[in-house]
């Protein structure tokens, strides 16, 4: 009976402590992920400026940052957005990063 109690205790602790940092992505990689993808397009004109904004997650427990299109546009002084791309990176589910790139004038 003691073995079963110990096993149940270890299983419960393992479930409570197992978190994974995930990031929005069109594809998922368990060990490593670094994916770029288009998010939106609004016109055919060329873009002379690029701005970026990012957010980061650690173990899926703590997440910080502002990865909004508005923050990325403001970082480069963009007032007319041409298109927006995104990049997701994850390493072993420990650290995940989501980055937005805004192109425009």
PDB file of N, CA and C in Angstrom:
ATOM      1  N   UNK A   1       0.814  -1.191   0.000  1.00  0.00           N
ATOM      2  CA  UNK A   1       0.000   0.000   0.000  1.00  0.00           C
ATOM      3  C   UNK A   1       0.862   1.261   0.000  1.00  0.00           C
ATOM      4  N   UNK A   2       1.973   1.199   0.696  1.00  0.00           N
ATOM      5  CA  UNK A   2       2.869   2.358   0.760  1.00  0.00           C
ATOM      6  C   UNK A   2       3.476   2.669  -0.608  1.00  0.00           C
ATOM      7  N   UNK A   3       3.771   1.636  -1.381  1.00  0.00           N
ATOM      8  CA  UNK A   3       4.336   1.822  -2.714  1.00  0.00           C
ATOM      9  C   UNK A   3       3.334   2.551  -3.614  1.00  0.00           C
ATOM     10  N   UNK A   4       2.075   2.183  -3.508  1.00  0.00           N
ATOM     11  CA  UNK A   4       1.039   2.824  -4.324  1.00  0.00           C
ATOM     12  C   UNK A   4       0.902   4.296  -3.940  1.00  0.00           C
ATOM     13  N   UNK A   5       0.933   4.600  -2.647  1.00  0.00           N
ATOM     14  CA  UNK A   5       0.842   5.987  -2.192  1.00  0.00           C
ATOM     15  C   UNK A   5       2.030   6.808  -2.691  1.00  0.00           C
ATOM     16  N   UNK A   6       3.227   6.248  -2.615  1.00  0.00           N
ATOM     17  CA  UNK A   6       4.422   6.935  -3.106  1.00  0.00           C
ATOM     18  C   UNK A   6       4.336   7.191  -4.613  1.00  0.00           C
ATOM     19  N   UNK A   7       3.877   6.169  -5.338  1.00  0.00           N
ATOM     20  CA  UNK A   7       3.736   6.309  -6.785  1.00  0.00           C
ATOM     21  C   UNK A   7       2.726   7.403  -7.120  1.00  0.00           C
ATOM     22  N   UNK A   8       1.584   7.425  -6.441  1.00  0.00           N
ATOM     23  CA  UNK A   8       0.551   8.429  -6.684  1.00  0.00           C
ATOM     24  C   UNK A   8       1.069   9.824  -6.336  1.00  0.00           C
ATOM     25  N   UNK A   9       1.863   9.933  -5.283  1.00  0.00           N
ATOM     26  CA  UNK A   9       2.438  11.218  -4.895  1.00  0.00           C
ATOM     27  C   UNK A   9       3.393  11.733  -5.975  1.00  0.00           C
ATOM     28  N   UNK A  10       4.278  10.870  -6.447  1.00  0.00           N
ATOM     29  CA  UNK A  10       5.235  11.242  -7.489  1.00  0.00           C
ATOM     30  C   UNK A  10       4.498  11.606  -8.784  1.00  0.00           C
ATOM     31  N   UNK A  11       3.456  10.857  -9.141  1.00  0.00           N
ATOM     32  CA  UNK A  11       2.682  11.148 -10.352  1.00  0.00           C
ATOM     33  C   UNK A  11       1.985  12.504 -10.233  1.00  0.00           C
ATOM     34  N   UNK A  12       1.420  12.788  -9.067  1.00  0.00           N
ATOM     35  CA  UNK A  12       0.725  14.068  -8.873  1.00  0.00           C
ATOM     36  C   UNK A  12       1.707  15.236  -8.952  1.00  0.00           C
ATOM     37  N   UNK A  13       2.862  15.113  -8.325  1.00  0.00           N
ATOM     38  CA  UNK A  13       3.875  16.168  -8.375  1.00  0.00           C
ATOM     39  C   UNK A  13       4.367  16.364  -9.810  1.00  0.00           C
ATOM     40  N   UNK A  14       4.568  15.284 -10.535  1.00  0.00           N
ATOM     41  CA  UNK A  14       5.027  15.378 -11.926  1.00  0.00           C
ATOM     42  C   UNK A  14       4.018  16.124 -12.788  1.00  0.00           C
ATOM     43  N   UNK A  15       2.736  15.845 -12.601  1.00  0.00           N
ATOM     44  CA  UNK A  15       1.714  16.538 -13.374  1.00  0.00           C
ATOM     45  C   UNK A  15       1.652  18.020 -13.032  1.00  0.00           C
ATOM     46  N   UNK A  16       1.815  18.356 -11.770  1.00  0.00           N
ATOM     47  CA  UNK A  16       1.760  19.750 -11.359  1.00  0.00           C
ATOM     48  C   UNK A  16       2.951  20.552 -11.864  1.00  0.00           C
ATOM     49  N   UNK A  17       4.105  19.931 -11.952  1.00  0.00           N
ATOM     50  CA  UNK A  17       5.317  20.642 -12.343  1.00  0.00           C
ATOM     51  C   UNK A  17       5.618  20.581 -13.835  1.00  0.00           C
ATOM     52  N   UNK A  18       4.835  19.830 -14.590  1.00  0.00           N
ATOM     53  CA  UNK A  18       5.126  19.712 -16.026  1.00  0.00           C
ATOM     54  C   UNK A  18       4.364  20.768 -16.796  1.00  0.00           C
ATOM     55  N   UNK A  19       5.067  21.796 -17.209  1.00  0.00           N
ATOM     56  CA  UNK A  19       4.503  22.852 -18.047  1.00  0.00           C
ATOM     57  C   UNK A  19       5.342  22.956 -19.296  1.00  0.00           C
ATOM     58  N   UNK A  20       4.729  23.439 -20.336  1.00  0.00           N
ATOM     59  CA  UNK A  20       5.459  23.638 -21.586  1.00  0.00           C
ATOM     60  C   UNK A  20       5.166  25.026 -22.106  1.00  0.00           C
ATOM     61  N   UNK A  21       6.189  25.670 -22.593  1.00  0.00           N
ATOM     62  CA  UNK A  21       6.021  26.973 -23.226  1.00  0.00           C
ATOM     63  C   UNK A  21       5.672  26.732 -24.685  1.00  0.00           C
ATOM     64  N   UNK A  22       4.553  27.251 -25.130  1.00  0.00           N
ATOM     65  CA  UNK A  22       4.138  27.089 -26.519  1.00  0.00           C
ATOM     66  C   UNK A  22       3.926  28.458 -27.135  1.00  0.00           C
ATOM     67  N   UNK A  23       4.021  28.499 -28.438  1.00  0.00           N
ATOM     68  CA  UNK A  23       3.837  29.736 -29.173  1.00  0.00           C
ATOM     69  C   UNK A  23       2.977  29.453 -30.389  1.00  0.00           C
ATOM     70  N   UNK A  24       2.145  30.415 -30.783  1.00  0.00           N
ATOM     71  CA  UNK A  24       1.300  30.268 -31.959  1.00  0.00           C
ATOM     72  C   UNK A  24       2.172  30.027 -33.179  1.00  0.00           C
ATOM     73  N   UNK A  25       1.831  29.009 -33.948  1.00  0.00           N
ATOM     74  CA  UNK A  25       2.622  28.694 -35.123  1.00  0.00           C
ATOM     75  C   UNK A  25       1.804  27.816 -36.070  1.00  0.00           C
ATOM     76  N   UNK A  26       2.057  27.915 -37.389  1.00  0.00           N
ATOM     77  CA  UNK A  26       1.373  27.021 -38.312  1.00  0.00           C
ATOM     78  C   UNK A  26       1.887  25.581 -38.205  1.00  0.00           C
ATOM     79  N   UNK A  27       3.061  25.392 -37.634  1.00  0.00           N
ATOM     80  CA  UNK A  27       3.656  24.076 -37.433  1.00  0.00           C
ATOM     81  C   UNK A  27       4.166  23.965 -36.001  1.00  0.00           C
ATOM     82  N   UNK A  28       4.329  22.750 -35.522  1.00  0.00           N
ATOM     83  CA  UNK A  28       4.825  22.558 -34.166  1.00  0.00           C
ATOM     84  C   UNK A  28       6.025  21.620 -34.192  1.00  0.00           C
ATOM     85  N   UNK A  29       7.062  21.977 -33.454  1.00  0.00           N
ATOM     86  CA  UNK A  29       8.220  21.110 -33.290  1.00  0.00           C
ATOM     87  C   UNK A  29       8.423  20.857 -31.802  1.00  0.00           C
ATOM     88  N   UNK A  30       8.504  19.613 -31.403  1.00  0.00           N
ATOM     89  CA  UNK A  30       8.622  19.296 -29.975  1.00  0.00           C
ATOM     90  C   UNK A  30       9.974  19.704 -29.404  1.00  0.00           C
ATOM     91  N   UNK A  31      11.060  19.363 -30.084  1.00  0.00           N
ATOM     92  CA  UNK A  31      12.386  19.681 -29.569  1.00  0.00           C
ATOM     93  C   UNK A  31      12.812  21.110 -29.889  1.00  0.00           C
ATOM     94  N   UNK A  32      12.551  21.528 -31.121  1.00  0.00           N
ATOM     95  CA  UNK A  32      12.955  22.871 -31.529  1.00  0.00           C
ATOM     96  C   UNK A  32      12.017  23.355 -32.621  1.00  0.00           C
ATOM     97  N   UNK A  33      11.656  24.633 -32.572  1.00  0.00           N
ATOM     98  CA  UNK A  33      10.797  25.217 -33.588  1.00  0.00           C
ATOM     99  C   UNK A  33      11.270  26.637 -33.873  1.00  0.00           C
ATOM    100  N   UNK A  34      11.377  26.977 -35.143  1.00  0.00           N
ATOM    101  CA  UNK A  34      11.686  28.335 -35.585  1.00  0.00           C
ATOM    102  C   UNK A  34      10.988  28.526 -36.921  1.00  0.00           C
ATOM    103  N   UNK A  35       9.773  29.076 -36.902  1.00  0.00           N
ATOM    104  CA  UNK A  35       8.916  29.151 -38.073  1.00  0.00           C
ATOM    105  C   UNK A  35       8.527  30.596 -38.359  1.00  0.00           C
ATOM    106  N   UNK A  36       8.657  31.015 -39.619  1.00  0.00           N
ATOM    107  CA  UNK A  36       8.166  32.323 -40.061  1.00  0.00           C
ATOM    108  C   UNK A  36       6.968  32.084 -40.970  1.00  0.00           C
ATOM    109  N   UNK A  37       5.949  32.960 -40.850  1.00  0.00           N
ATOM    110  CA  UNK A  37       4.747  32.805 -41.658  1.00  0.00           C
ATOM    111  C   UNK A  37       4.109  34.162 -41.891  1.00  0.00           C
ATOM    112  N   UNK A  38       3.347  34.289 -42.975  1.00  0.00           N
ATOM    113  CA  UNK A  38       2.643  35.553 -43.211  1.00  0.00           C
ATOM    114  C   UNK A  38       1.451  35.664 -42.264  1.00  0.00           C
ATOM    115  N   UNK A  39       1.151  36.876 -41.847  1.00  0.00           N
ATOM    116  CA  UNK A  39       0.011  37.099 -40.974  1.00  0.00           C
ATOM    117  C   UNK A  39      -1.095  37.813 -41.732  1.00  0.00           C
ATOM    118  N   UNK A  40      -0.754  38.887 -42.452  1.00  0.00           N
ATOM    119  CA  UNK A  40      -1.755  39.619 -43.229  1.00  0.00           C
ATOM    120  C   UNK A  40      -1.069  40.480 -44.282  1.00  0.00           C
ATOM    121  N   UNK A  41      -1.800  40.816 -45.325  1.00  0.00           N
ATOM    122  CA  UNK A  41      -1.301  41.726 -46.368  1.00  0.00           C
ATOM    123  C   UNK A  41      -2.406  42.718 -46.692  1.00  0.00           C
ATOM    124  N   UNK A  42      -2.026  43.985 -46.911  1.00  0.00           N
ATOM    125  CA  UNK A  42      -3.035  45.010 -47.156  1.00  0.00           C
ATOM    126  C   UNK A  42      -2.850  45.776 -48.454  1.00  0.00           C
ATOM    127  N   UNK A  43      -1.761  45.600 -49.155  1.00  0.00           N
ATOM    128  CA  UNK A  43      -1.565  46.374 -50.375  1.00  0.00           C
ATOM    129  C   UNK A  43      -0.447  45.826 -51.219  1.00  0.00           C
ATOM    130  N   UNK A  44      -0.233  46.452 -52.380  1.00  0.00           N
ATOM    131  CA  UNK A  44       0.802  46.009 -53.303  1.00  0.00           C
ATOM    132  C   UNK A  44       2.006  46.931 -53.343  1.00  0.00           C
ATOM    133  N   UNK A  45       1.958  48.033 -52.600  1.00  0.00           N
ATOM    134  CA  UNK A  45       3.079  48.971 -52.650  1.00  0.00           C
ATOM    135  C   UNK A  45       4.276  48.427 -51.883  1.00  0.00           C
ATOM    136  N   UNK A  46       5.451  48.929 -52.216  1.00  0.00           N
ATOM    137  CA  UNK A  46       6.665  48.515 -51.527  1.00  0.00           C
ATOM    138  C   UNK A  46       6.719  49.065 -50.116  1.00  0.00           C
ATOM    139  N   UNK A  47       7.557  48.482 -49.308  1.00  0.00           N
ATOM    140  CA  UNK A  47       7.680  48.954 -47.929  1.00  0.00           C
ATOM    141  C   UNK A  47       9.110  49.394 -47.684  1.00  0.00           C
ATOM    142  N   UNK A  48       9.257  50.553 -47.045  1.00  0.00           N
ATOM    143  CA  UNK A  48      10.591  51.087 -46.803  1.00  0.00           C
ATOM    144  C   UNK A  48      11.021  50.925 -45.348  1.00  0.00           C
ATOM    145  N   UNK A  49      10.102  50.591 -44.456  1.00  0.00           N
ATOM    146  CA  UNK A  49      10.422  50.442 -43.035  1.00  0.00           C
ATOM    147  C   UNK A  49       9.967  49.079 -42.530  1.00  0.00           C
ATOM    148  N   UNK A  50      10.671  48.577 -41.507  1.00  0.00           N
ATOM    149  CA  UNK A  50      10.304  47.320 -40.852  1.00  0.00           C
ATOM    150  C   UNK A  50      10.347  47.529 -39.351  1.00  0.00           C
ATOM    151  N   UNK A  51       9.268  47.190 -38.682  1.00  0.00           N
ATOM    152  CA  UNK A  51       9.212  47.266 -37.223  1.00  0.00           C
ATOM    153  C   UNK A  51       8.901  45.895 -36.655  1.00  0.00           C
ATOM    154  N   UNK A  52       9.309  45.666 -35.423  1.00  0.00           N
ATOM    155  CA  UNK A  52       9.023  44.370 -34.812  1.00  0.00           C
ATOM    156  C   UNK A  52       8.627  44.539 -33.344  1.00  0.00           C
ATOM    157  N   UNK A  53       7.889  43.557 -32.847  1.00  0.00           N
ATOM    158  CA  UNK A  53       7.487  43.505 -31.445  1.00  0.00           C
ATOM    159  C   UNK A  53       7.419  42.034 -31.062  1.00  0.00           C
ATOM    160  N   UNK A  54       7.726  41.715 -29.794  1.00  0.00           N
ATOM    161  CA  UNK A  54       7.753  40.306 -29.413  1.00  0.00           C
ATOM    162  C   UNK A  54       7.225  40.072 -28.003  1.00  0.00           C
ATOM    163  N   UNK A  55       6.888  38.809 -27.754  1.00  0.00           N
ATOM    164  CA  UNK A  55       6.466  38.345 -26.437  1.00  0.00           C
ATOM    165  C   UNK A  55       7.183  37.030 -26.175  1.00  0.00           C
ATOM    166  N   UNK A  56       7.446  36.731 -24.901  1.00  0.00           N
ATOM    167  CA  UNK A  56       8.204  35.536 -24.538  1.00  0.00           C
ATOM    168  C   UNK A  56       7.485  34.792 -23.415  1.00  0.00           C
ATOM    169  N   UNK A  57       7.548  33.465 -23.452  1.00  0.00           N
ATOM    170  CA  UNK A  57       6.972  32.622 -22.415  1.00  0.00           C
ATOM    171  C   UNK A  57       8.054  31.686 -21.880  1.00  0.00           C
ATOM    172  N   UNK A  58       8.057  31.493 -20.579  1.00  0.00           N
ATOM    173  CA  UNK A  58       9.009  30.584 -19.944  1.00  0.00           C
ATOM    174  C   UNK A  58       8.224  29.485 -19.246  1.00  0.00           C
ATOM    175  N   UNK A  59       8.441  28.248 -19.684  1.00  0.00           N
ATOM    176  CA  UNK A  59       7.790  27.051 -19.147  1.00  0.00           C
ATOM    177  C   UNK A  59       6.267  27.100 -19.204  1.00  0.00           C
ATOM    178  N   UNK A  60       5.715  28.002 -19.987  1.00  0.00           N
ATOM    179  CA  UNK A  60       4.269  28.132 -20.037  1.00  0.00           C
ATOM    180  C   UNK A  60       3.692  28.683 -18.743  1.00  0.00           C
ATOM    181  N   UNK A  61       4.558  29.165 -17.857  1.00  0.00           N
ATOM    182  CA  UNK A  61       4.117  29.686 -16.563  1.00  0.00           C
ATOM    183  C   UNK A  61       4.078  31.201 -16.584  1.00  0.00           C
ATOM    184  N   UNK A  62       5.133  31.827 -17.115  1.00  0.00           N
ATOM    185  CA  UNK A  62       5.242  33.282 -17.159  1.00  0.00           C
ATOM    186  C   UNK A  62       5.336  33.714 -18.623  1.00  0.00           C
ATOM    187  N   UNK A  63       4.504  34.672 -19.005  1.00  0.00           N
ATOM    188  CA  UNK A  63       4.550  35.210 -20.367  1.00  0.00           C
ATOM    189  C   UNK A  63       4.530  36.732 -20.286  1.00  0.00           C
ATOM    190  N   UNK A  64       5.452  37.372 -21.018  1.00  0.00           N
ATOM    191  CA  UNK A  64       5.534  38.829 -21.010  1.00  0.00           C
ATOM    192  C   UNK A  64       5.790  39.345 -22.415  1.00  0.00           C
ATOM    193  N   UNK A  65       5.428  40.599 -22.635  1.00  0.00           N
ATOM    194  CA  UNK A  65       5.728  41.246 -23.901  1.00  0.00           C
ATOM    195  C   UNK A  65       4.487  41.752 -24.592  1.00  0.00           C
ATOM    196  N   UNK A  66       4.700  42.591 -25.585  1.00  0.00           N
ATOM    197  CA  UNK A  66       3.636  43.152 -26.402  1.00  0.00           C
ATOM    198  C   UNK A  66       3.968  42.840 -27.849  1.00  0.00           C
ATOM    199  N   UNK A  67       3.361  41.805 -28.395  1.00  0.00           N
ATOM    200  CA  UNK A  67       3.622  41.399 -29.772  1.00  0.00           C
ATOM    201  C   UNK A  67       2.494  41.848 -30.690  1.00  0.00           C
ATOM    202  N   UNK A  68       1.953  43.025 -30.421  1.00  0.00           N
ATOM    203  CA  UNK A  68       0.852  43.523 -31.242  1.00  0.00           C
ATOM    204  C   UNK A  68       1.376  44.197 -32.514  1.00  0.00           C
ATOM    205  N   UNK A  69       0.513  44.273 -33.503  1.00  0.00           N
ATOM    206  CA  UNK A  69       0.861  44.951 -34.747  1.00  0.00           C
ATOM    207  C   UNK A  69       1.102  46.426 -34.473  1.00  0.00           C
ATOM    208  N   UNK A  70       0.313  47.000 -33.598  1.00  0.00           N
ATOM    209  CA  UNK A  70       0.452  48.413 -33.251  1.00  0.00           C
ATOM    210  C   UNK A  70       1.828  48.696 -32.641  1.00  0.00           C
ATOM    211  N   UNK A  71       2.273  47.850 -31.721  1.00  0.00           N
ATOM    212  CA  UNK A  71       3.588  48.044 -31.091  1.00  0.00           C
ATOM    213  C   UNK A  71       4.712  47.915 -32.117  1.00  0.00           C
ATOM    214  N   UNK A  72       4.574  46.958 -33.038  1.00  0.00           N
ATOM    215  CA  UNK A  72       5.602  46.776 -34.068  1.00  0.00           C
ATOM    216  C   UNK A  72       5.637  47.975 -35.015  1.00  0.00           C
ATOM    217  N   UNK A  73       4.475  48.485 -35.389  1.00  0.00           N
ATOM    218  CA  UNK A  73       4.425  49.643 -36.284  1.00  0.00           C
ATOM    219  C   UNK A  73       5.017  50.875 -35.608  1.00  0.00           C
ATOM    220  N   UNK A  74       4.698  51.084 -34.345  1.00  0.00           N
ATOM    221  CA  UNK A  74       5.226  52.237 -33.617  1.00  0.00           C
ATOM    222  C   UNK A  74       6.738  52.164 -33.442  1.00  0.00           C
ATOM    223  N   UNK A  75       7.292  50.954 -33.337  1.00  0.00           N
ATOM    224  CA  UNK A  75       8.737  50.814 -33.139  1.00  0.00           C
ATOM    225  C   UNK A  75       9.537  51.331 -34.326  1.00  0.00           C
ATOM    226  N   UNK A  76       8.929  51.350 -35.510  1.00  0.00           N
ATOM    227  CA  UNK A  76       9.626  51.841 -36.705  1.00  0.00           C
ATOM    228  C   UNK A  76       8.993  53.109 -37.266  1.00  0.00           C
ATOM    229  N   UNK A  77       8.004  53.650 -36.583  1.00  0.00           N
ATOM    230  CA  UNK A  77       7.349  54.855 -37.065  1.00  0.00           C
ATOM    231  C   UNK A  77       6.517  54.622 -38.313  1.00  0.00           C
ATOM    232  N   UNK A  78       5.926  53.473 -38.442  1.00  0.00           N
ATOM    233  CA  UNK A  78       5.125  53.128 -39.619  1.00  0.00           C
ATOM    234  C   UNK A  78       3.693  53.611 -39.415  1.00  0.00           C
ATOM    235  N   UNK A  79       3.184  54.339 -40.411  1.00  0.00           N
ATOM    236  CA  UNK A  79       1.797  54.812 -40.350  1.00  0.00           C
ATOM    237  C   UNK A  79       0.918  54.134 -41.398  1.00  0.00           C
ATOM    238  N   UNK A  80       1.530  53.630 -42.468  1.00  0.00           N
ATOM    239  CA  UNK A  80       0.790  52.925 -43.514  1.00  0.00           C
ATOM    240  C   UNK A  80       1.375  51.515 -43.633  1.00  0.00           C
ATOM    241  N   UNK A  81       0.607  50.522 -43.202  1.00  0.00           N
ATOM    242  CA  UNK A  81       1.093  49.129 -43.155  1.00  0.00           C
ATOM    243  C   UNK A  81       0.895  48.463 -44.509  1.00  0.00           C
ATOM    244  N   UNK A  82       1.957  47.813 -44.988  1.00  0.00           N
ATOM    245  CA  UNK A  82       1.918  47.067 -46.243  1.00  0.00           C
ATOM    246  C   UNK A  82       1.580  45.606 -45.970  1.00  0.00           C
ATOM    247  N   UNK A  83       2.358  44.947 -45.128  1.00  0.00           N
ATOM    248  CA  UNK A  83       2.048  43.573 -44.738  1.00  0.00           C
ATOM    249  C   UNK A  83       2.685  43.243 -43.391  1.00  0.00           C
ATOM    250  N   UNK A  84       2.234  42.133 -42.813  1.00  0.00           N
ATOM    251  CA  UNK A  84       2.671  41.723 -41.486  1.00  0.00           C
ATOM    252  C   UNK A  84       3.060  40.243 -41.534  1.00  0.00           C
ATOM    253  N   UNK A  85       4.212  39.915 -40.962  1.00  0.00           N
ATOM    254  CA  UNK A  85       4.668  38.532 -40.835  1.00  0.00           C
ATOM    255  C   UNK A  85       4.828  38.193 -39.359  1.00  0.00           C
ATOM    256  N   UNK A  86       4.889  36.905 -39.060  1.00  0.00           N
ATOM    257  CA  UNK A  86       5.092  36.456 -37.698  1.00  0.00           C
ATOM    258  C   UNK A  86       6.190  35.404 -37.647  1.00  0.00           C
ATOM    259  N   UNK A  87       6.845  35.289 -36.496  1.00  0.00           N
ATOM    260  CA  UNK A  87       7.871  34.273 -36.294  1.00  0.00           C
ATOM    261  C   UNK A  87       7.672  33.668 -34.913  1.00  0.00           C
ATOM    262  N   UNK A  88       7.669  32.336 -34.861  1.00  0.00           N
ATOM    263  CA  UNK A  88       7.541  31.619 -33.600  1.00  0.00           C
ATOM    264  C   UNK A  88       8.775  30.771 -33.380  1.00  0.00           C
ATOM    265  N   UNK A  89       9.295  30.802 -32.160  1.00  0.00           N
ATOM    266  CA  UNK A  89      10.453  29.991 -31.797  1.00  0.00           C
ATOM    267  C   UNK A  89      10.173  29.307 -30.469  1.00  0.00           C
ATOM    268  N   UNK A  90      10.523  28.029 -30.373  1.00  0.00           N
ATOM    269  CA  UNK A  90      10.371  27.293 -29.124  1.00  0.00           C
ATOM    270  C   UNK A  90      11.537  26.326 -28.985  1.00  0.00           C
ATOM    271  N   UNK A  91      12.086  26.263 -27.783  1.00  0.00           N
ATOM    272  CA  UNK A  91      13.195  25.357 -27.518  1.00  0.00           C
ATOM    273  C   UNK A  91      12.793  24.422 -26.379  1.00  0.00           C
ATOM    274  N   UNK A  92      12.599  23.143 -26.708  1.00  0.00           N
ATOM    275  CA  UNK A  92      12.261  22.092 -25.753  1.00  0.00           C
ATOM    276  C   UNK A  92      11.041  22.414 -24.895  1.00  0.00           C
ATOM    277  N   UNK A  93      10.186  23.307 -25.345  1.00  0.00           N
ATOM    278  CA  UNK A  93       9.027  23.685 -24.553  1.00  0.00           C
ATOM    279  C   UNK A  93       9.387  24.475 -23.308  1.00  0.00           C
ATOM    280  N   UNK A  94      10.634  24.931 -23.230  1.00  0.00           N
ATOM    281  CA  UNK A  94      11.086  25.683 -22.055  1.00  0.00           C
ATOM    282  C   UNK A  94      10.916  27.175 -22.299  1.00  0.00           C
ATOM    283  N   UNK A  95      11.408  27.644 -23.423  1.00  0.00           N
ATOM    284  CA  UNK A  95      11.315  29.066 -23.780  1.00  0.00           C
ATOM    285  C   UNK A  95      10.648  29.163 -25.151  1.00  0.00           C
ATOM    286  N   UNK A  96       9.608  29.983 -25.238  1.00  0.00           N
ATOM    287  CA  UNK A  96       8.926  30.215 -26.508  1.00  0.00           C
ATOM    288  C   UNK A  96       8.876  31.714 -26.763  1.00  0.00           C
ATOM    289  N   UNK A  97       9.096  32.097 -28.012  1.00  0.00           N
ATOM    290  CA  UNK A  97       9.057  33.499 -28.402  1.00  0.00           C
ATOM    291  C   UNK A  97       8.135  33.657 -29.601  1.00  0.00           C
ATOM    292  N   UNK A  98       7.322  34.705 -29.581  1.00  0.00           N
ATOM    293  CA  UNK A  98       6.446  35.042 -30.696  1.00  0.00           C
ATOM    294  C   UNK A  98       6.776  36.466 -31.112  1.00  0.00           C
ATOM    295  N   UNK A  99       7.117  36.654 -32.382  1.00  0.00           N
ATOM    296  CA  UNK A  99       7.541  37.967 -32.862  1.00  0.00           C
ATOM    297  C   UNK A  99       6.718  38.362 -34.082  1.00  0.00           C
ATOM    298  N   UNK A 100       6.315  39.640 -34.134  1.00  0.00           N
ATOM    299  CA  UNK A 100       5.543  40.174 -35.247  1.00  0.00           C
ATOM    300  C   UNK A 100       6.410  41.203 -35.980  1.00  0.00           C
ATOM    301  N   UNK A 101       6.436  41.098 -37.319  1.00  0.00           N
ATOM    302  CA  UNK A 101       7.165  42.044 -38.154  1.00  0.00           C
ATOM    303  C   UNK A 101       6.147  42.808 -38.988  1.00  0.00           C
ATOM    304  N   UNK A 102       6.233  44.138 -38.952  1.00  0.00           N
ATOM    305  CA  UNK A 102       5.339  44.993 -39.729  1.00  0.00           C
ATOM    306  C   UNK A 102       6.165  45.721 -40.779  1.00  0.00           C
ATOM    307  N   UNK A 103       5.714  45.672 -42.028  1.00  0.00           N
ATOM    308  CA  UNK A 103       6.387  46.343 -43.134  1.00  0.00           C
ATOM    309  C   UNK A 103       5.485  47.450 -43.648  1.00  0.00           C
ATOM    310  N   UNK A 104       6.060  48.616 -43.912  1.00  0.00           N
ATOM    311  CA  UNK A 104       5.245  49.708 -44.426  1.00  0.00           C
ATOM    312  C   UNK A 104       6.016  51.001 -44.575  1.00  0.00           C
ATOM    313  N   UNK A 105       5.278  52.079 -44.607  1.00  0.00           N
ATOM    314  CA  UNK A 105       5.856  53.408 -44.806  1.00  0.00           C
ATOM    315  C   UNK A 105       5.603  54.280 -43.587  1.00  0.00           C
TER     316      UNK A 105
END
